[in-house]
Amino acid sequence: MRKYSKILLVFILIIGFFFVYTVMFRKLRYESKFDQSFVSPNNETKIFVRYDYISRPSVFLENGKEIFNYEGPGFMETIQFDVEWLEGDTFILYNNQVNERYKVEIPK
């Protein structure tokens, strides 16, 4: 019985460490002082644009679900992307300075 309790304790510690590491990594991945929020024209959807430490944008819904992740190499300077809403669930994420545009559709 004692052997099983040690195995269970080690298993719980491993799971706990993994959970804490995942939460901490997610918080350290983005520079929060540059966060931007945008609301759709019909006021139904709110999105957040967050940037990692090399200015790559990611777009999140209000519930924290990531819906867009920039796959490029990043930028040497601090830049910000803007949002142009096309519909209540579709928008363009763009930056004219670096001439990049991405059409993003919010999943239903």
C-alpha atoms as a PDB file:
ATOM      1  CA  MET A   1       0.000   0.000   0.000  1.00  0.00           C
ATOM      2  CA  ARG A   2       2.860   2.382   0.833  1.00  0.00           C
ATOM      3  CA  LYS A   3       4.448   1.740  -2.562  1.00  0.00           C
ATOM      4  CA  TYR A   4       1.257   2.824  -4.367  1.00  0.00           C
ATOM      5  CA  SER A   5       0.945   6.004  -2.310  1.00  0.00           C
ATOM      6  CA  LYS A   6       4.502   7.017  -3.298  1.00  0.00           C
ATOM      7  CA  ILE A   7       3.732   6.397  -6.964  1.00  0.00           C
ATOM      8  CA  LEU A   8       0.503   8.379  -6.645  1.00  0.00           C
ATOM      9  CA  LEU A   9       2.328  11.264  -4.938  1.00  0.00           C
ATOM     10  CA  VAL A  10       4.983  11.387  -7.680  1.00  0.00           C
ATOM     11  CA  PHE A  11       2.278  11.290 -10.344  1.00  0.00           C
ATOM     12  CA  ILE A  12       0.383  14.173  -8.686  1.00  0.00           C
ATOM     13  CA  LEU A  13       3.597  16.221  -8.404  1.00  0.00           C
ATOM     14  CA  ILE A  14       4.397  15.682 -12.081  1.00  0.00           C
ATOM     15  CA  ILE A  15       0.882  16.715 -13.135  1.00  0.00           C
ATOM     16  CA  GLY A  16       1.030  19.763 -10.826  1.00  0.00           C
ATOM     17  CA  PHE A  17       4.420  20.823 -12.160  1.00  0.00           C
ATOM     18  CA  PHE A  18       3.203  20.489 -15.745  1.00  0.00           C
ATOM     19  CA  PHE A  19       0.102  22.595 -15.005  1.00  0.00           C
ATOM     20  CA  VAL A  20       2.096  25.356 -13.267  1.00  0.00           C
ATOM     21  CA  TYR A  21       4.717  25.373 -16.035  1.00  0.00           C
ATOM     22  CA  THR A  22       2.025  25.637 -18.739  1.00  0.00           C
ATOM     23  CA  VAL A  23       0.276  28.549 -17.010  1.00  0.00           C
ATOM     24  CA  MET A  24       3.539  30.390 -16.328  1.00  0.00           C
ATOM     25  CA  PHE A  25       4.797  29.879 -19.892  1.00  0.00           C
ATOM     26  CA  ARG A  26       1.543  31.227 -21.321  1.00  0.00           C
ATOM     27  CA  LYS A  27       1.808  34.361 -19.156  1.00  0.00           C
ATOM     28  CA  LEU A  28       5.483  34.939 -19.978  1.00  0.00           C
ATOM     29  CA  ARG A  29       4.985  34.478 -23.708  1.00  0.00           C
ATOM     30  CA  TYR A  30       3.365  37.890 -24.277  1.00  0.00           C
ATOM     31  CA  GLU A  31       4.258  41.458 -23.360  1.00  0.00           C
ATOM     32  CA  SER A  32       0.997  42.632 -21.800  1.00  0.00           C
ATOM     33  CA  LYS A  33       1.664  46.377 -21.817  1.00  0.00           C
ATOM     34  CA  PHE A  34       1.044  46.521 -25.603  1.00  0.00           C
ATOM     35  CA  ASP A  35      -2.295  44.653 -25.539  1.00  0.00           C
ATOM     36  CA  GLN A  36      -5.026  46.137 -27.701  1.00  0.00           C
ATOM     37  CA  SER A  37      -8.745  45.422 -27.546  1.00  0.00           C
ATOM     38  CA  PHE A  38     -11.253  45.817 -30.370  1.00  0.00           C
ATOM     39  CA  VAL A  39     -15.027  45.452 -30.376  1.00  0.00           C
ATOM     40  CA  SER A  40     -17.016  44.442 -33.446  1.00  0.00           C
ATOM     41  CA  PRO A  41     -19.358  47.052 -34.969  1.00  0.00           C
ATOM     42  CA  ASN A  42     -22.404  45.167 -33.665  1.00  0.00           C
ATOM     43  CA  ASN A  43     -20.875  45.074 -30.131  1.00  0.00           C
ATOM     44  CA  GLU A  44     -21.182  41.269 -29.978  1.00  0.00           C
ATOM     45  CA  THR A  45     -17.525  40.252 -30.205  1.00  0.00           C
ATOM     46  CA  LYS A  46     -14.494  41.559 -28.363  1.00  0.00           C
ATOM     47  CA  ILE A  47     -11.001  40.550 -29.419  1.00  0.00           C
ATOM     48  CA  PHE A  48      -7.560  41.210 -27.986  1.00  0.00           C
ATOM     49  CA  VAL A  49      -4.367  41.598 -29.982  1.00  0.00           C
ATOM     50  CA  ARG A  50      -1.297  40.617 -27.976  1.00  0.00           C
ATOM     51  CA  TYR A  51       2.340  40.735 -28.970  1.00  0.00           C
ATOM     52  CA  ASP A  52       5.194  38.471 -27.999  1.00  0.00           C
ATOM     53  CA  TYR A  53       8.644  39.841 -27.267  1.00  0.00           C
ATOM     54  CA  ILE A  54       9.562  40.156 -30.953  1.00  0.00           C
ATOM     55  CA  SER A  55       6.350  41.992 -31.911  1.00  0.00           C
ATOM     56  CA  ARG A  56       4.497  39.049 -33.476  1.00  0.00           C
ATOM     57  CA  PRO A  57       0.734  39.522 -33.035  1.00  0.00           C
ATOM     58  CA  SER A  58      -1.708  36.934 -31.781  1.00  0.00           C
ATOM     59  CA  VAL A  59      -5.466  37.458 -31.579  1.00  0.00           C
ATOM     60  CA  PHE A  60      -7.558  36.157 -28.699  1.00  0.00           C
ATOM     61  CA  LEU A  61     -11.263  36.108 -27.985  1.00  0.00           C
ATOM     62  CA  GLU A  62     -12.584  37.511 -24.744  1.00  0.00           C
ATOM     63  CA  ASN A  63     -12.684  33.992 -23.248  1.00  0.00           C
ATOM     64  CA  GLY A  64      -8.913  33.579 -23.882  1.00  0.00           C
ATOM     65  CA  LYS A  65      -9.151  31.298 -26.923  1.00  0.00           C
ATOM     66  CA  GLU A  66      -6.448  32.049 -29.493  1.00  0.00           C
ATOM     67  CA  ILE A  67      -7.855  32.498 -33.018  1.00  0.00           C
ATOM     68  CA  PHE A  68      -4.808  33.842 -34.891  1.00  0.00           C
ATOM     69  CA  ASN A  69      -1.083  33.362 -34.430  1.00  0.00           C
ATOM     70  CA  TYR A  70       1.484  35.158 -36.594  1.00  0.00           C
ATOM     71  CA  GLU A  71       3.830  32.577 -38.096  1.00  0.00           C
ATOM     72  CA  GLY A  72       6.510  34.966 -39.397  1.00  0.00           C
ATOM     73  CA  PRO A  73       9.959  35.601 -37.943  1.00  0.00           C
ATOM     74  CA  GLY A  74       9.003  38.721 -35.962  1.00  0.00           C
ATOM     75  CA  PHE A  75      10.118  42.328 -36.118  1.00  0.00           C
ATOM     76  CA  MET A  76      13.143  44.180 -34.807  1.00  0.00           C
ATOM     77  CA  GLU A  77      11.121  47.266 -33.839  1.00  0.00           C
ATOM     78  CA  THR A  78       7.946  47.533 -31.799  1.00  0.00           C
ATOM     79  CA  ILE A  79       5.011  47.635 -34.193  1.00  0.00           C
ATOM     80  CA  GLN A  80       1.269  47.371 -33.733  1.00  0.00           C
ATOM     81  CA  PHE A  81      -1.368  45.913 -35.988  1.00  0.00           C
ATOM     82  CA  ASP A  82      -4.803  47.456 -36.467  1.00  0.00           C
ATOM     83  CA  VAL A  83      -8.160  45.828 -37.046  1.00  0.00           C
ATOM     84  CA  GLU A  84     -10.701  46.627 -39.752  1.00  0.00           C
ATOM     85  CA  TRP A  85     -14.010  44.812 -39.250  1.00  0.00           C
ATOM     86  CA  LEU A  86     -15.652  43.390 -42.357  1.00  0.00           C
ATOM     87  CA  GLU A  87     -18.566  41.685 -40.584  1.00  0.00           C
ATOM     88  CA  GLY A  88     -19.435  40.679 -37.042  1.00  0.00           C
ATOM     89  CA  ASP A  89     -17.207  37.604 -37.242  1.00  0.00           C
ATOM     90  CA  THR A  90     -14.591  38.575 -39.846  1.00  0.00           C
ATOM     91  CA  PHE A  91     -11.889  41.215 -39.716  1.00  0.00           C
ATOM     92  CA  ILE A  92      -8.629  42.244 -41.338  1.00  0.00           C
ATOM     93  CA  LEU A  93      -5.539  42.409 -39.122  1.00  0.00           C
ATOM     94  CA  TYR A  94      -3.133  44.770 -40.826  1.00  0.00           C
ATOM     95  CA  ASN A  95      -0.058  46.938 -40.515  1.00  0.00           C
ATOM     96  CA  ASN A  96       0.648  49.360 -43.364  1.00  0.00           C
ATOM     97  CA  GLN A  97       4.217  50.027 -42.192  1.00  0.00           C
ATOM     98  CA  VAL A  98       5.297  46.453 -42.922  1.00  0.00           C
ATOM     99  CA  ASN A  99       2.644  45.954 -45.638  1.00  0.00           C
ATOM    100  CA  GLU A 100       0.998  42.891 -44.105  1.00  0.00           C
ATOM    101  CA  ARG A 101      -2.711  42.021 -44.048  1.00  0.00           C
ATOM    102  CA  TYR A 102      -4.459  38.917 -42.725  1.00  0.00           C
ATOM    103  CA  LYS A 103      -8.124  38.062 -43.018  1.00  0.00           C
ATOM    104  CA  VAL A 104      -9.270  36.412 -39.799  1.00  0.00           C
ATOM    105  CA  GLU A 105     -12.606  34.697 -39.338  1.00  0.00           C
ATOM    106  CA  ILE A 106     -13.807  34.070 -35.802  1.00  0.00           C
ATOM    107  CA  PRO A 107     -14.868  30.419 -35.417  1.00  0.00           C
ATOM    108  CA  LYS A 108     -18.453  29.830 -34.402  1.00  0.00           C
END
